[in-house]
């Protein structure tokens, strides 16, 4: 899963494909713990969605714009760029998939 900048994210968002973004920071222990769970979801979903990471310290503007108040926060964006769902905190992949409404990706 690639880390992207705000401008790269803005190009992906609304590009006609669902995007799932993991907002993290290098110093954040729970962020490191959730990373394998997000990777597992990315493998499950495959090419049906784009999964990326955004470092909130390097890209505070997009985190602020999207109201990311705590990390880890994972947000699912629809193909049109609108937010579908979000999850904040450390959760396992099955719960994360439910919280993010990822069934809508596989059903599409």
PDB file of N, CA and C in Angstrom:
ATOM      1  N   UNK A   1       0.852  -1.166   0.000  1.00  0.00           N
ATOM      2  CA  UNK A   1       0.000   0.000   0.000  1.00  0.00           C
ATOM      3  C   UNK A   1       0.900   1.231   0.000  1.00  0.00           C
ATOM      4  N   UNK A   2       0.662   2.099  -0.932  1.00  0.00           N
ATOM      5  CA  UNK A   2       1.513   3.278  -1.108  1.00  0.00           C
ATOM      6  C   UNK A   2       1.076   4.434  -0.231  1.00  0.00           C
ATOM      7  N   UNK A   3       2.060   5.180   0.281  1.00  0.00           N
ATOM      8  CA  UNK A   3       1.790   6.445   0.953  1.00  0.00           C
ATOM      9  C   UNK A   3       1.707   7.511  -0.132  1.00  0.00           C
ATOM     10  N   UNK A   4       0.688   8.372  -0.037  1.00  0.00           N
ATOM     11  CA  UNK A   4       0.489   9.402  -1.051  1.00  0.00           C
ATOM     12  C   UNK A   4       0.424  10.777  -0.391  1.00  0.00           C
ATOM     13  N   UNK A   5       0.650  11.788  -1.207  1.00  0.00           N
ATOM     14  CA  UNK A   5       0.548  13.172  -0.757  1.00  0.00           C
ATOM     15  C   UNK A   5      -0.893  13.654  -0.948  1.00  0.00           C
ATOM     16  N   UNK A   6      -1.166  14.844  -0.460  1.00  0.00           N
ATOM     17  CA  UNK A   6      -2.489  15.434  -0.624  1.00  0.00           C
ATOM     18  C   UNK A   6      -2.845  15.553  -2.094  1.00  0.00           C
ATOM     19  N   UNK A   7      -1.916  16.026  -2.925  1.00  0.00           N
ATOM     20  CA  UNK A   7      -2.225  16.199  -4.347  1.00  0.00           C
ATOM     21  C   UNK A   7      -2.475  14.855  -5.031  1.00  0.00           C
ATOM     22  N   UNK A   8      -1.715  13.834  -4.659  1.00  0.00           N
ATOM     23  CA  UNK A   8      -1.936  12.509  -5.238  1.00  0.00           C
ATOM     24  C   UNK A   8      -3.299  11.961  -4.809  1.00  0.00           C
ATOM     25  N   UNK A   9      -3.653  12.174  -3.544  1.00  0.00           N
ATOM     26  CA  UNK A   9      -4.959  11.733  -3.053  1.00  0.00           C
ATOM     27  C   UNK A   9      -6.069  12.450  -3.807  1.00  0.00           C
ATOM     28  N   UNK A  10      -5.931  13.757  -4.002  1.00  0.00           N
ATOM     29  CA  UNK A  10      -6.960  14.519  -4.701  1.00  0.00           C
ATOM     30  C   UNK A  10      -7.157  14.031  -6.133  1.00  0.00           C
ATOM     31  N   UNK A  11      -6.091  13.524  -6.758  1.00  0.00           N
ATOM     32  CA  UNK A  11      -6.216  12.944  -8.099  1.00  0.00           C
ATOM     33  C   UNK A  11      -6.975  11.622  -8.058  1.00  0.00           C
ATOM     34  N   UNK A  12      -6.736  10.820  -7.023  1.00  0.00           N
ATOM     35  CA  UNK A  12      -7.404   9.520  -6.888  1.00  0.00           C
ATOM     36  C   UNK A  12      -8.878   9.675  -6.514  1.00  0.00           C
ATOM     37  N   UNK A  13      -9.140  10.589  -5.610  1.00  0.00           N
ATOM     38  CA  UNK A  13     -10.506  10.784  -5.101  1.00  0.00           C
ATOM     39  C   UNK A  13     -11.396  11.307  -6.220  1.00  0.00           C
ATOM     40  N   UNK A  14     -12.486  10.626  -6.457  1.00  0.00           N
ATOM     41  CA  UNK A  14     -13.419  11.043  -7.494  1.00  0.00           C
ATOM     42  C   UNK A  14     -13.009  10.618  -8.884  1.00  0.00           C
ATOM     43  N   UNK A  15     -12.040   9.702  -8.984  1.00  0.00           N
ATOM     44  CA  UNK A  15     -11.549   9.267 -10.295  1.00  0.00           C
ATOM     45  C   UNK A  15     -12.364   8.119 -10.887  1.00  0.00           C
ATOM     46  N   UNK A  16     -13.482   7.771 -10.239  1.00  0.00           N
ATOM     47  CA  UNK A  16     -14.329   6.711 -10.766  1.00  0.00           C
ATOM     48  C   UNK A  16     -14.084   5.349 -10.151  1.00  0.00           C
ATOM     49  N   UNK A  17     -13.197   5.283  -9.168  1.00  0.00           N
ATOM     50  CA  UNK A  17     -12.895   4.027  -8.486  1.00  0.00           C
ATOM     51  C   UNK A  17     -12.924   4.294  -6.982  1.00  0.00           C
ATOM     52  N   UNK A  18     -13.476   3.365  -6.182  1.00  0.00           N
ATOM     53  CA  UNK A  18     -13.453   3.569  -4.736  1.00  0.00           C
ATOM     54  C   UNK A  18     -12.015   3.697  -4.215  1.00  0.00           C
ATOM     55  N   UNK A  19     -11.843   4.528  -3.198  1.00  0.00           N
ATOM     56  CA  UNK A  19     -10.541   4.734  -2.572  1.00  0.00           C
ATOM     57  C   UNK A  19     -10.700   4.548  -1.062  1.00  0.00           C
ATOM     58  N   UNK A  20      -9.788   3.782  -0.474  1.00  0.00           N
ATOM     59  CA  UNK A  20      -9.753   3.597   0.969  1.00  0.00           C
ATOM     60  C   UNK A  20      -8.432   4.168   1.456  1.00  0.00           C
ATOM     61  N   UNK A  21      -8.512   5.114   2.406  1.00  0.00           N
ATOM     62  CA  UNK A  21      -7.327   5.825   2.883  1.00  0.00           C
ATOM     63  C   UNK A  21      -7.089   5.543   4.361  1.00  0.00           C
ATOM     64  N   UNK A  22      -5.869   5.133   4.659  1.00  0.00           N
ATOM     65  CA  UNK A  22      -5.428   4.903   6.035  1.00  0.00           C
ATOM     66  C   UNK A  22      -4.620   6.122   6.465  1.00  0.00           C
ATOM     67  N   UNK A  23      -5.182   6.943   7.363  1.00  0.00           N
ATOM     68  CA  UNK A  23      -4.476   8.106   7.887  1.00  0.00           C
ATOM     69  C   UNK A  23      -3.659   7.649   9.089  1.00  0.00           C
ATOM     70  N   UNK A  24      -2.359   7.952   9.068  1.00  0.00           N
ATOM     71  CA  UNK A  24      -1.441   7.435  10.079  1.00  0.00           C
ATOM     72  C   UNK A  24      -0.337   8.445  10.364  1.00  0.00           C
ATOM     73  N   UNK A  25       0.499   8.106  11.358  1.00  0.00           N
ATOM     74  CA  UNK A  25       1.744   8.831  11.634  1.00  0.00           C
ATOM     75  C   UNK A  25       2.782   7.791  12.033  1.00  0.00           C
ATOM     76  N   UNK A  26       4.024   8.055  11.697  1.00  0.00           N
ATOM     77  CA  UNK A  26       5.100   7.103  11.998  1.00  0.00           C
ATOM     78  C   UNK A  26       5.244   6.824  13.494  1.00  0.00           C
ATOM     79  N   UNK A  27       4.956   7.793  14.344  1.00  0.00           N
ATOM     80  CA  UNK A  27       5.124   7.652  15.789  1.00  0.00           C
ATOM     81  C   UNK A  27       3.943   6.957  16.461  1.00  0.00           C
ATOM     82  N   UNK A  28       2.900   6.643  15.710  1.00  0.00           N
ATOM     83  CA  UNK A  28       1.641   6.121  16.259  1.00  0.00           C
ATOM     84  C   UNK A  28       1.653   4.593  16.332  1.00  0.00           C
ATOM     85  N   UNK A  29       1.711   4.053  17.553  1.00  0.00           N
ATOM     86  CA  UNK A  29       1.711   2.603  17.750  1.00  0.00           C
ATOM     87  C   UNK A  29       0.476   1.915  17.190  1.00  0.00           C
ATOM     88  N   UNK A  30      -0.745   2.404  17.500  1.00  0.00           N
ATOM     89  CA  UNK A  30      -1.937   1.775  16.940  1.00  0.00           C
ATOM     90  C   UNK A  30      -1.974   1.814  15.403  1.00  0.00           C
ATOM     91  N   UNK A  31      -1.349   2.841  14.812  1.00  0.00           N
ATOM     92  CA  UNK A  31      -1.279   2.926  13.351  1.00  0.00           C
ATOM     93  C   UNK A  31      -0.462   1.762  12.790  1.00  0.00           C
ATOM     94  N   UNK A  32       0.633   1.443  13.449  1.00  0.00           N
ATOM     95  CA  UNK A  32       1.462   0.303  13.020  1.00  0.00           C
ATOM     96  C   UNK A  32       0.703  -1.005  13.222  1.00  0.00           C
ATOM     97  N   UNK A  33      -0.090  -1.081  14.288  1.00  0.00           N
ATOM     98  CA  UNK A  33      -0.845  -2.301  14.575  1.00  0.00           C
ATOM     99  C   UNK A  33      -1.983  -2.530  13.585  1.00  0.00           C
ATOM    100  N   UNK A  34      -2.613  -1.452  13.108  1.00  0.00           N
ATOM    101  CA  UNK A  34      -3.734  -1.612  12.185  1.00  0.00           C
ATOM    102  C   UNK A  34      -3.274  -1.831  10.737  1.00  0.00           C
ATOM    103  N   UNK A  35      -2.040  -1.457  10.438  1.00  0.00           N
ATOM    104  CA  UNK A  35      -1.544  -1.564   9.058  1.00  0.00           C
ATOM    105  C   UNK A  35      -1.736  -2.956   8.452  1.00  0.00           C
ATOM    106  N   UNK A  36      -1.410  -4.047   9.161  1.00  0.00           N
ATOM    107  CA  UNK A  36      -1.626  -5.377   8.565  1.00  0.00           C
ATOM    108  C   UNK A  36      -3.112  -5.677   8.323  1.00  0.00           C
ATOM    109  N   UNK A  37      -3.980  -5.114   9.143  1.00  0.00           N
ATOM    110  CA  UNK A  37      -5.419  -5.317   8.966  1.00  0.00           C
ATOM    111  C   UNK A  37      -5.896  -4.622   7.683  1.00  0.00           C
ATOM    112  N   UNK A  38      -5.402  -3.413   7.450  1.00  0.00           N
ATOM    113  CA  UNK A  38      -5.768  -2.680   6.238  1.00  0.00           C
ATOM    114  C   UNK A  38      -5.180  -3.387   5.013  1.00  0.00           C
ATOM    115  N   UNK A  39      -3.952  -3.883   5.139  1.00  0.00           N
ATOM    116  CA  UNK A  39      -3.329  -4.647   4.046  1.00  0.00           C
ATOM    117  C   UNK A  39      -4.154  -5.883   3.720  1.00  0.00           C
ATOM    118  N   UNK A  40      -4.663  -6.571   4.747  1.00  0.00           N
ATOM    119  CA  UNK A  40      -5.492  -7.758   4.531  1.00  0.00           C
ATOM    120  C   UNK A  40      -6.761  -7.393   3.762  1.00  0.00           C
ATOM    121  N   UNK A  41      -7.366  -6.273   4.117  1.00  0.00           N
ATOM    122  CA  UNK A  41      -8.557  -5.821   3.394  1.00  0.00           C
ATOM    123  C   UNK A  41      -8.226  -5.477   1.948  1.00  0.00           C
ATOM    124  N   UNK A  42      -7.094  -4.836   1.749  1.00  0.00           N
ATOM    125  CA  UNK A  42      -6.675  -4.485   0.392  1.00  0.00           C
ATOM    126  C   UNK A  42      -6.511  -5.748  -0.452  1.00  0.00           C
ATOM    127  N   UNK A  43      -5.951  -6.791   0.124  1.00  0.00           N
ATOM    128  CA  UNK A  43      -5.785  -8.058  -0.595  1.00  0.00           C
ATOM    129  C   UNK A  43      -7.133  -8.685  -0.908  1.00  0.00           C
ATOM    130  N   UNK A  44      -8.064  -8.605   0.046  1.00  0.00           N
ATOM    131  CA  UNK A  44      -9.403  -9.162  -0.152  1.00  0.00           C
ATOM    132  C   UNK A  44     -10.151  -8.442  -1.257  1.00  0.00           C
ATOM    133  N   UNK A  45     -10.099  -7.130  -1.246  1.00  0.00           N
ATOM    134  CA  UNK A  45     -10.842  -6.313  -2.206  1.00  0.00           C
ATOM    135  C   UNK A  45     -10.181  -6.354  -3.583  1.00  0.00           C
ATOM    136  N   UNK A  46      -8.874  -6.455  -3.606  1.00  0.00           N
ATOM    137  CA  UNK A  46      -8.144  -6.529  -4.879  1.00  0.00           C
ATOM    138  C   UNK A  46      -8.212  -5.246  -5.672  1.00  0.00           C
ATOM    139  N   UNK A  47      -8.376  -5.382  -6.967  1.00  0.00           N
ATOM    140  CA  UNK A  47      -8.353  -4.232  -7.879  1.00  0.00           C
ATOM    141  C   UNK A  47      -9.651  -3.429  -7.878  1.00  0.00           C
ATOM    142  N   UNK A  48     -10.643  -3.871  -7.117  1.00  0.00           N
ATOM    143  CA  UNK A  48     -11.934  -3.176  -7.102  1.00  0.00           C
ATOM    144  C   UNK A  48     -11.858  -1.803  -6.438  1.00  0.00           C
ATOM    145  N   UNK A  49     -10.803  -1.573  -5.640  1.00  0.00           N
ATOM    146  CA  UNK A  49     -10.622  -0.288  -4.966  1.00  0.00           C
ATOM    147  C   UNK A  49      -9.133  -0.002  -4.839  1.00  0.00           C
ATOM    148  N   UNK A  50      -8.820   1.265  -4.681  1.00  0.00           N
ATOM    149  CA  UNK A  50      -7.445   1.692  -4.456  1.00  0.00           C
ATOM    150  C   UNK A  50      -7.262   1.940  -2.967  1.00  0.00           C
ATOM    151  N   UNK A  51      -6.255   1.320  -2.370  1.00  0.00           N
ATOM    152  CA  UNK A  51      -5.930   1.512  -0.962  1.00  0.00           C
ATOM    153  C   UNK A  51      -4.634   2.306  -0.874  1.00  0.00           C
ATOM    154  N   UNK A  52      -4.638   3.393  -0.100  1.00  0.00           N
ATOM    155  CA  UNK A  52      -3.448   4.219   0.086  1.00  0.00           C
ATOM    156  C   UNK A  52      -3.340   4.644   1.540  1.00  0.00           C
ATOM    157  N   UNK A  53      -2.184   5.188   1.893  1.00  0.00           N
ATOM    158  CA  UNK A  53      -1.918   5.721   3.223  1.00  0.00           C
ATOM    159  C   UNK A  53      -1.573   7.200   3.101  1.00  0.00           C
ATOM    160  N   UNK A  54      -1.959   7.972   4.104  1.00  0.00           N
ATOM    161  CA  UNK A  54      -1.586   9.388   4.155  1.00  0.00           C
ATOM    162  C   UNK A  54      -1.018   9.676   5.538  1.00  0.00           C
ATOM    163  N   UNK A  55       0.194  10.170   5.570  1.00  0.00           N
ATOM    164  CA  UNK A  55       0.871  10.571   6.800  1.00  0.00           C
ATOM    165  C   UNK A  55       0.311  11.928   7.229  1.00  0.00           C
ATOM    166  N   UNK A  56      -0.357  11.975   8.380  1.00  0.00           N
ATOM    167  CA  UNK A  56      -0.991  13.216   8.820  1.00  0.00           C
ATOM    168  C   UNK A  56       0.025  14.296   9.189  1.00  0.00           C
ATOM    169  N   UNK A  57       1.236  13.892   9.567  1.00  0.00           N
ATOM    170  CA  UNK A  57       2.264  14.885   9.883  1.00  0.00           C
ATOM    171  C   UNK A  57       2.790  15.555   8.623  1.00  0.00           C
ATOM    172  N   UNK A  58       2.900  14.801   7.548  1.00  0.00           N
ATOM    173  CA  UNK A  58       3.401  15.343   6.280  1.00  0.00           C
ATOM    174  C   UNK A  58       2.296  16.032   5.482  1.00  0.00           C
ATOM    175  N   UNK A  59       1.029  15.697   5.775  1.00  0.00           N
ATOM    176  CA  UNK A  59      -0.108  16.222   5.020  1.00  0.00           C
ATOM    177  C   UNK A  59      -1.230  16.691   5.950  1.00  0.00           C
ATOM    178  N   UNK A  60      -0.927  17.632   6.837  1.00  0.00           N
ATOM    179  CA  UNK A  60      -1.941  18.064   7.809  1.00  0.00           C
ATOM    180  C   UNK A  60      -3.145  18.747   7.158  1.00  0.00           C
ATOM    181  N   UNK A  61      -2.958  19.329   5.976  1.00  0.00           N
ATOM    182  CA  UNK A  61      -4.044  20.039   5.312  1.00  0.00           C
ATOM    183  C   UNK A  61      -5.200  19.114   4.963  1.00  0.00           C
ATOM    184  N   UNK A  62      -4.917  17.953   4.389  1.00  0.00           N
ATOM    185  CA  UNK A  62      -5.999  17.048   3.991  1.00  0.00           C
ATOM    186  C   UNK A  62      -6.626  16.396   5.221  1.00  0.00           C
ATOM    187  N   UNK A  63      -5.819  16.098   6.227  1.00  0.00           N
ATOM    188  CA  UNK A  63      -6.371  15.537   7.463  1.00  0.00           C
ATOM    189  C   UNK A  63      -7.349  16.524   8.096  1.00  0.00           C
ATOM    190  N   UNK A  64      -6.980  17.785   8.136  1.00  0.00           N
ATOM    191  CA  UNK A  64      -7.845  18.814   8.696  1.00  0.00           C
ATOM    192  C   UNK A  64      -9.104  18.992   7.849  1.00  0.00           C
ATOM    193  N   UNK A  65      -8.935  19.053   6.544  1.00  0.00           N
ATOM    194  CA  UNK A  65     -10.069  19.230   5.626  1.00  0.00           C
ATOM    195  C   UNK A  65     -11.111  18.121   5.799  1.00  0.00           C
ATOM    196  N   UNK A  66     -10.633  16.899   6.030  1.00  0.00           N
ATOM    197  CA  UNK A  66     -11.539  15.751   6.154  1.00  0.00           C
ATOM    198  C   UNK A  66     -11.970  15.476   7.593  1.00  0.00           C
ATOM    199  N   UNK A  67     -11.528  16.316   8.525  1.00  0.00           N
ATOM    200  CA  UNK A  67     -11.950  16.174   9.908  1.00  0.00           C
ATOM    201  C   UNK A  67     -11.354  14.970  10.616  1.00  0.00           C
ATOM    202  N   UNK A  68     -10.144  14.601  10.228  1.00  0.00           N
ATOM    203  CA  UNK A  68      -9.463  13.495  10.902  1.00  0.00           C
ATOM    204  C   UNK A  68      -8.935  14.036  12.223  1.00  0.00           C
ATOM    205  N   UNK A  69      -9.561  13.608  13.321  1.00  0.00           N
ATOM    206  CA  UNK A  69      -9.236  14.137  14.642  1.00  0.00           C
ATOM    207  C   UNK A  69      -8.351  13.200  15.446  1.00  0.00           C
ATOM    208  N   UNK A  70      -8.292  11.935  15.062  1.00  0.00           N
ATOM    209  CA  UNK A  70      -7.481  10.952  15.758  1.00  0.00           C
ATOM    210  C   UNK A  70      -6.980   9.926  14.762  1.00  0.00           C
ATOM    211  N   UNK A  71      -5.904   9.262  15.121  1.00  0.00           N
ATOM    212  CA  UNK A  71      -5.361   8.247  14.232  1.00  0.00           C
ATOM    213  C   UNK A  71      -5.148   6.959  15.014  1.00  0.00           C
ATOM    214  N   UNK A  72      -5.224   5.836  14.362  1.00  0.00           N
ATOM    215  CA  UNK A  72      -5.489   5.662  12.937  1.00  0.00           C
ATOM    216  C   UNK A  72      -6.954   5.937  12.595  1.00  0.00           C
ATOM    217  N   UNK A  73      -7.165   6.546  11.452  1.00  0.00           N
ATOM    218  CA  UNK A  73      -8.493   6.723  10.869  1.00  0.00           C
ATOM    219  C   UNK A  73      -8.425   6.176   9.458  1.00  0.00           C
ATOM    220  N   UNK A  74      -9.399   5.351   9.114  1.00  0.00           N
ATOM    221  CA  UNK A  74      -9.478   4.785   7.770  1.00  0.00           C
ATOM    222  C   UNK A  74     -10.809   5.233   7.174  1.00  0.00           C
ATOM    223  N   UNK A  75     -10.745   5.823   5.973  1.00  0.00           N
ATOM    224  CA  UNK A  75     -11.946   6.357   5.324  1.00  0.00           C
ATOM    225  C   UNK A  75     -12.125   5.700   3.963  1.00  0.00           C
ATOM    226  N   UNK A  76     -13.375   5.296   3.671  1.00  0.00           N
ATOM    227  CA  UNK A  76     -13.764   4.722   2.382  1.00  0.00           C
ATOM    228  C   UNK A  76     -14.471   5.818   1.593  1.00  0.00           C
ATOM    229  N   UNK A  77     -13.959   6.116   0.397  1.00  0.00           N
ATOM    230  CA  UNK A  77     -14.566   7.096  -0.493  1.00  0.00           C
ATOM    231  C   UNK A  77     -15.179   6.383  -1.690  1.00  0.00           C
ATOM    232  N   UNK A  78     -16.361   6.806  -2.079  1.00  0.00           N
ATOM    233  CA  UNK A  78     -17.063   6.247  -3.230  1.00  0.00           C
ATOM    234  C   UNK A  78     -16.354   6.667  -4.522  1.00  0.00           C
ATOM    235  N   UNK A  79     -16.711   6.041  -5.644  1.00  0.00           N
ATOM    236  CA  UNK A  79     -16.099   6.420  -6.926  1.00  0.00           C
ATOM    237  C   UNK A  79     -16.256   7.905  -7.271  1.00  0.00           C
ATOM    238  N   UNK A  80     -17.321   8.550  -6.764  1.00  0.00           N
ATOM    239  CA  UNK A  80     -17.512   9.977  -7.047  1.00  0.00           C
ATOM    240  C   UNK A  80     -16.749  10.879  -6.080  1.00  0.00           C
ATOM    241  N   UNK A  81     -16.026  10.284  -5.119  1.00  0.00           N
ATOM    242  CA  UNK A  81     -15.225  11.060  -4.176  1.00  0.00           C
ATOM    243  C   UNK A  81     -15.905  11.367  -2.866  1.00  0.00           C
ATOM    244  N   UNK A  82     -17.181  11.014  -2.740  1.00  0.00           N
ATOM    245  CA  UNK A  82     -17.887  11.274  -1.481  1.00  0.00           C
ATOM    246  C   UNK A  82     -17.509  10.231  -0.436  1.00  0.00           C
ATOM    247  N   UNK A  83     -17.555  10.639   0.818  1.00  0.00           N
ATOM    248  CA  UNK A  83     -17.222   9.723   1.906  1.00  0.00           C
ATOM    249  C   UNK A  83     -18.362   8.735   2.121  1.00  0.00           C
ATOM    250  N   UNK A  84     -18.016   7.444   2.160  1.00  0.00           N
ATOM    251  CA  UNK A  84     -18.992   6.390   2.423  1.00  0.00           C
ATOM    252  C   UNK A  84     -19.045   6.102   3.911  1.00  0.00           C
ATOM    253  N   UNK A  85     -17.867   5.896   4.510  1.00  0.00           N
ATOM    254  CA  UNK A  85     -17.798   5.535   5.924  1.00  0.00           C
ATOM    255  C   UNK A  85     -16.381   5.750   6.431  1.00  0.00           C
ATOM    256  N   UNK A  86     -16.246   5.778   7.772  1.00  0.00           N
ATOM    257  CA  UNK A  86     -14.919   5.895   8.375  1.00  0.00           C
ATOM    258  C   UNK A  86     -14.860   5.098   9.659  1.00  0.00           C
ATOM    259  N   UNK A  87     -13.642   4.742  10.020  1.00  0.00           N
ATOM    260  CA  UNK A  87     -13.380   4.032  11.267  1.00  0.00           C
ATOM    261  C   UNK A  87     -12.169   4.686  11.917  1.00  0.00           C
ATOM    262  N   UNK A  88     -12.270   4.949  13.216  1.00  0.00           N
ATOM    263  CA  UNK A  88     -11.157   5.535  13.951  1.00  0.00           C
ATOM    264  C   UNK A  88     -10.778   4.598  15.085  1.00  0.00           C
ATOM    265  N   UNK A  89      -9.489   4.384  15.243  1.00  0.00           N
ATOM    266  CA  UNK A  89      -8.998   3.517  16.295  1.00  0.00           C
ATOM    267  C   UNK A  89      -8.561   2.173  15.741  1.00  0.00           C
ATOM    268  N   UNK A  90      -8.037   1.355  16.628  1.00  0.00           N
ATOM    269  CA  UNK A  90      -7.511   0.048  16.255  1.00  0.00           C
ATOM    270  C   UNK A  90      -8.619  -0.989  16.270  1.00  0.00           C
ATOM    271  N   UNK A  91      -8.936  -1.529  15.093  1.00  0.00           N
ATOM    272  CA  UNK A  91      -9.932  -2.588  14.969  1.00  0.00           C
ATOM    273  C   UNK A  91      -9.404  -3.670  14.029  1.00  0.00           C
ATOM    274  N   UNK A  92      -9.908  -4.867  14.159  1.00  0.00           N
ATOM    275  CA  UNK A  92      -9.493  -5.987  13.313  1.00  0.00           C
ATOM    276  C   UNK A  92     -10.168  -5.899  11.949  1.00  0.00           C
ATOM    277  N   UNK A  93      -9.609  -6.606  10.964  1.00  0.00           N
ATOM    278  CA  UNK A  93     -10.042  -6.464   9.576  1.00  0.00           C
ATOM    279  C   UNK A  93     -11.526  -6.742   9.361  1.00  0.00           C
ATOM    280  N   UNK A  94     -12.090  -7.767  10.009  1.00  0.00           N
ATOM    281  CA  UNK A  94     -13.516  -8.068   9.813  1.00  0.00           C
ATOM    282  C   UNK A  94     -14.386  -6.911  10.298  1.00  0.00           C
ATOM    283  N   UNK A  95     -14.077  -6.379  11.472  1.00  0.00           N
ATOM    284  CA  UNK A  95     -14.829  -5.240  12.002  1.00  0.00           C
ATOM    285  C   UNK A  95     -14.586  -3.995  11.157  1.00  0.00           C
ATOM    286  N   UNK A  96     -13.369  -3.837  10.683  1.00  0.00           N
ATOM    287  CA  UNK A  96     -13.026  -2.689   9.849  1.00  0.00           C
ATOM    288  C   UNK A  96     -13.798  -2.749   8.534  1.00  0.00           C
ATOM    289  N   UNK A  97     -13.886  -3.929   7.928  1.00  0.00           N
ATOM    290  CA  UNK A  97     -14.633  -4.093   6.676  1.00  0.00           C
ATOM    291  C   UNK A  97     -16.093  -3.694   6.872  1.00  0.00           C
ATOM    292  N   UNK A  98     -16.682  -4.110   7.995  1.00  0.00           N
ATOM    293  CA  UNK A  98     -18.071  -3.740   8.292  1.00  0.00           C
ATOM    294  C   UNK A  98     -18.200  -2.242   8.528  1.00  0.00           C
ATOM    295  N   UNK A  99     -17.308  -1.687   9.337  1.00  0.00           N
ATOM    296  CA  UNK A  99     -17.367  -0.260   9.661  1.00  0.00           C
ATOM    297  C   UNK A  99     -17.212   0.611   8.423  1.00  0.00           C
ATOM    298  N   UNK A 100     -16.403   0.152   7.484  1.00  0.00           N
ATOM    299  CA  UNK A 100     -16.141   0.928   6.274  1.00  0.00           C
ATOM    300  C   UNK A 100     -17.122   0.629   5.164  1.00  0.00           C
ATOM    301  N   UNK A 101     -18.061  -0.287   5.396  1.00  0.00           N
ATOM    302  CA  UNK A 101     -19.057  -0.647   4.392  1.00  0.00           C
ATOM    303  C   UNK A 101     -18.395  -1.128   3.099  1.00  0.00           C
ATOM    304  N   UNK A 102     -17.386  -1.983   3.254  1.00  0.00           N
ATOM    305  CA  UNK A 102     -16.643  -2.449   2.079  1.00  0.00           C
ATOM    306  C   UNK A 102     -17.424  -3.445   1.229  1.00  0.00           C
ATOM    307  N   UNK A 103     -18.534  -3.969   1.737  1.00  0.00           N
ATOM    308  CA  UNK A 103     -19.371  -4.838   0.925  1.00  0.00           C
ATOM    309  C   UNK A 103     -19.888  -4.116  -0.313  1.00  0.00           C
ATOM    310  N   UNK A 104     -20.020  -2.799  -0.212  1.00  0.00           N
ATOM    311  CA  UNK A 104     -20.494  -2.035  -1.378  1.00  0.00           C
ATOM    312  C   UNK A 104     -19.474  -2.054  -2.504  1.00  0.00           C
ATOM    313  N   UNK A 105     -18.198  -2.231  -2.168  1.00  0.00           N
ATOM    314  CA  UNK A 105     -17.169  -2.308  -3.208  1.00  0.00           C
ATOM    315  C   UNK A 105     -17.279  -3.640  -3.929  1.00  0.00           C
ATOM    316  N   UNK A 106     -17.370  -4.726  -3.167  1.00  0.00           N
ATOM    317  CA  UNK A 106     -17.435  -6.039  -3.769  1.00  0.00           C
ATOM    318  C   UNK A 106     -18.742  -6.287  -4.507  1.00  0.00           C
ATOM    319  N   UNK A 107     -19.804  -5.580  -4.134  1.00  0.00           N
ATOM    320  CA  UNK A 107     -21.096  -5.749  -4.784  1.00  0.00           C
ATOM    321  C   UNK A 107     -21.187  -4.972  -6.090  1.00  0.00           C
ATOM    322  N   UNK A 108     -20.305  -4.008  -6.249  1.00  0.00           N
ATOM    323  CA  UNK A 108     -20.378  -3.135  -7.444  1.00  0.00           C
ATOM    324  C   UNK A 108     -19.911  -3.842  -8.694  1.00  0.00           C
TER     325      UNK A 108
END
